[in-house]
Amino acid sequence: MFSSPNDQSSPAIGVKLVSPSDTLILDPQARAIHVTAAGAIRITDARQNDVTVPDVPVGIWPVRASQIWATGTTATVSAIYY
């Protein structure tokens, strides 16, 4: 049983369609990112680290992120789960 929706082991409670953006801060933060075409993804993670991950495969990428950057992202991102 999950203790709360914000517990790290809890499943997502919603989905939101998004596109990478150099200005949009995700609210709420992503718990996972839906990748529909593989490639690099640049994010600001939940601890405010700016990181580019190369070769993210198609699927659901379980990562907490506050931003998905357009600059540095070559993958196609369609949604976040929060």
C-alpha atoms as a PDB file:
ATOM      1  CA  MET A   1       0.000   0.000   0.000  1.00  0.00           C
ATOM      2  CA  PHE A   2       1.228   3.504  -0.817  1.00  0.00           C
ATOM      3  CA  SER A   3       1.513   6.060   1.942  1.00  0.00           C
ATOM      4  CA  SER A   4       0.768   9.177  -0.144  1.00  0.00           C
ATOM      5  CA  PRO A   5       0.662  10.368  -3.775  1.00  0.00           C
ATOM      6  CA  ASN A   6       4.039  12.071  -3.227  1.00  0.00           C
ATOM      7  CA  ASP A   7       5.756   8.940  -1.901  1.00  0.00           C
ATOM      8  CA  GLN A   8       8.580   8.000  -4.280  1.00  0.00           C
ATOM      9  CA  SER A   9       7.197   4.477  -4.657  1.00  0.00           C
ATOM     10  CA  SER A  10       3.660   5.654  -5.440  1.00  0.00           C
ATOM     11  CA  PRO A  11       2.410   5.413  -9.028  1.00  0.00           C
ATOM     12  CA  ALA A  12       1.638   8.551 -11.009  1.00  0.00           C
ATOM     13  CA  ILE A  13      -1.709  10.202 -10.341  1.00  0.00           C
ATOM     14  CA  GLY A  14      -2.062  11.960 -13.697  1.00  0.00           C
ATOM     15  CA  VAL A  15      -0.734  12.510 -17.193  1.00  0.00           C
ATOM     16  CA  LYS A  16      -0.109  15.758 -19.075  1.00  0.00           C
ATOM     17  CA  LEU A  17       0.789  16.286 -22.734  1.00  0.00           C
ATOM     18  CA  VAL A  18       4.010  18.285 -23.080  1.00  0.00           C
ATOM     19  CA  SER A  19       6.664  19.350 -25.557  1.00  0.00           C
ATOM     20  CA  PRO A  20      10.249  20.185 -24.623  1.00  0.00           C
ATOM     21  CA  SER A  21      10.646  23.898 -23.865  1.00  0.00           C
ATOM     22  CA  ASP A  22      13.487  26.168 -22.820  1.00  0.00           C
ATOM     23  CA  THR A  23      11.060  28.276 -20.761  1.00  0.00           C
ATOM     24  CA  LEU A  24       8.342  25.965 -19.376  1.00  0.00           C
ATOM     25  CA  ILE A  25       8.802  24.740 -15.806  1.00  0.00           C
ATOM     26  CA  LEU A  26       6.759  21.579 -15.264  1.00  0.00           C
ATOM     27  CA  ASP A  27       4.025  22.000 -12.690  1.00  0.00           C
ATOM     28  CA  PRO A  28       3.578  19.477 -11.296  1.00  0.00           C
ATOM     29  CA  GLN A  29       7.011  17.904 -11.670  1.00  0.00           C
ATOM     30  CA  ALA A  30       7.283  14.821 -13.840  1.00  0.00           C
ATOM     31  CA  ARG A  31       7.605  11.427 -12.144  1.00  0.00           C
ATOM     32  CA  ALA A  32       8.174   9.834 -15.562  1.00  0.00           C
ATOM     33  CA  ILE A  33       8.524  10.963 -19.175  1.00  0.00           C
ATOM     34  CA  HIS A  34       6.850   9.256 -22.151  1.00  0.00           C
ATOM     35  CA  VAL A  35       9.428   9.021 -24.965  1.00  0.00           C
ATOM     36  CA  THR A  36       7.976   8.234 -28.419  1.00  0.00           C
ATOM     37  CA  ALA A  37      11.208   8.480 -30.459  1.00  0.00           C
ATOM     38  CA  ALA A  38      14.622   7.663 -28.996  1.00  0.00           C
ATOM     39  CA  GLY A  39      17.351  10.259 -28.595  1.00  0.00           C
ATOM     40  CA  ALA A  40      19.000  12.577 -26.118  1.00  0.00           C
ATOM     41  CA  ILE A  41      16.918  14.317 -23.457  1.00  0.00           C
ATOM     42  CA  ARG A  42      18.094  17.348 -21.514  1.00  0.00           C
ATOM     43  CA  ILE A  43      16.281  17.841 -18.211  1.00  0.00           C
ATOM     44  CA  THR A  44      16.482  19.744 -14.987  1.00  0.00           C
ATOM     45  CA  ASP A  45      16.001  17.017 -12.409  1.00  0.00           C
ATOM     46  CA  ALA A  46      14.116  17.266  -9.122  1.00  0.00           C
ATOM     47  CA  ARG A  47      17.302  18.417  -7.377  1.00  0.00           C
ATOM     48  CA  GLN A  48      17.799  21.195  -9.951  1.00  0.00           C
ATOM     49  CA  ASN A  49      20.697  19.512 -11.766  1.00  0.00           C
ATOM     50  CA  ASP A  50      20.855  20.249 -15.505  1.00  0.00           C
ATOM     51  CA  VAL A  51      21.745  17.012 -17.284  1.00  0.00           C
ATOM     52  CA  THR A  52      21.608  15.632 -20.819  1.00  0.00           C
ATOM     53  CA  VAL A  53      21.114  11.878 -21.060  1.00  0.00           C
ATOM     54  CA  PRO A  54      22.082  10.414 -24.458  1.00  0.00           C
ATOM     55  CA  ASP A  55      20.222   7.563 -26.142  1.00  0.00           C
ATOM     56  CA  VAL A  56      17.035   7.463 -24.047  1.00  0.00           C
ATOM     57  CA  PRO A  57      14.988   4.619 -25.587  1.00  0.00           C
ATOM     58  CA  VAL A  58      11.325   4.678 -26.566  1.00  0.00           C
ATOM     59  CA  GLY A  59       9.053   4.001 -23.600  1.00  0.00           C
ATOM     60  CA  ILE A  60       8.364   5.368 -20.147  1.00  0.00           C
ATOM     61  CA  TRP A  61      11.484   6.882 -18.589  1.00  0.00           C
ATOM     62  CA  PRO A  62      11.098   6.927 -14.785  1.00  0.00           C
ATOM     63  CA  VAL A  63      12.755  10.197 -13.821  1.00  0.00           C
ATOM     64  CA  ARG A  64      11.679  13.151 -11.693  1.00  0.00           C
ATOM     65  CA  ALA A  65      12.121  16.342 -13.666  1.00  0.00           C
ATOM     66  CA  SER A  66      11.088  19.969 -13.321  1.00  0.00           C
ATOM     67  CA  GLN A  67      11.980  20.869 -16.908  1.00  0.00           C
ATOM     68  CA  ILE A  68      12.478  19.148 -20.267  1.00  0.00           C
ATOM     69  CA  TRP A  69      14.635  21.417 -22.414  1.00  0.00           C
ATOM     70  CA  ALA A  70      14.135  21.913 -26.158  1.00  0.00           C
ATOM     71  CA  THR A  71      17.817  22.811 -26.523  1.00  0.00           C
ATOM     72  CA  GLY A  72      19.795  19.588 -26.227  1.00  0.00           C
ATOM     73  CA  THR A  73      16.794  17.276 -26.645  1.00  0.00           C
ATOM     74  CA  THR A  74      16.674  15.175 -29.816  1.00  0.00           C
ATOM     75  CA  ALA A  75      14.192  12.552 -28.569  1.00  0.00           C
ATOM     76  CA  THR A  76      10.471  13.011 -29.088  1.00  0.00           C
ATOM     77  CA  VAL A  77       8.674  13.525 -25.795  1.00  0.00           C
ATOM     78  CA  SER A  78       4.864  13.407 -25.763  1.00  0.00           C
ATOM     79  CA  ALA A  79       3.764  13.381 -22.118  1.00  0.00           C
ATOM     80  CA  ILE A  80       4.750  13.394 -18.491  1.00  0.00           C
ATOM     81  CA  TYR A  81       3.308  11.335 -15.673  1.00  0.00           C
ATOM     82  CA  TYR A  82       3.062  13.103 -12.320  1.00  0.00           C
END
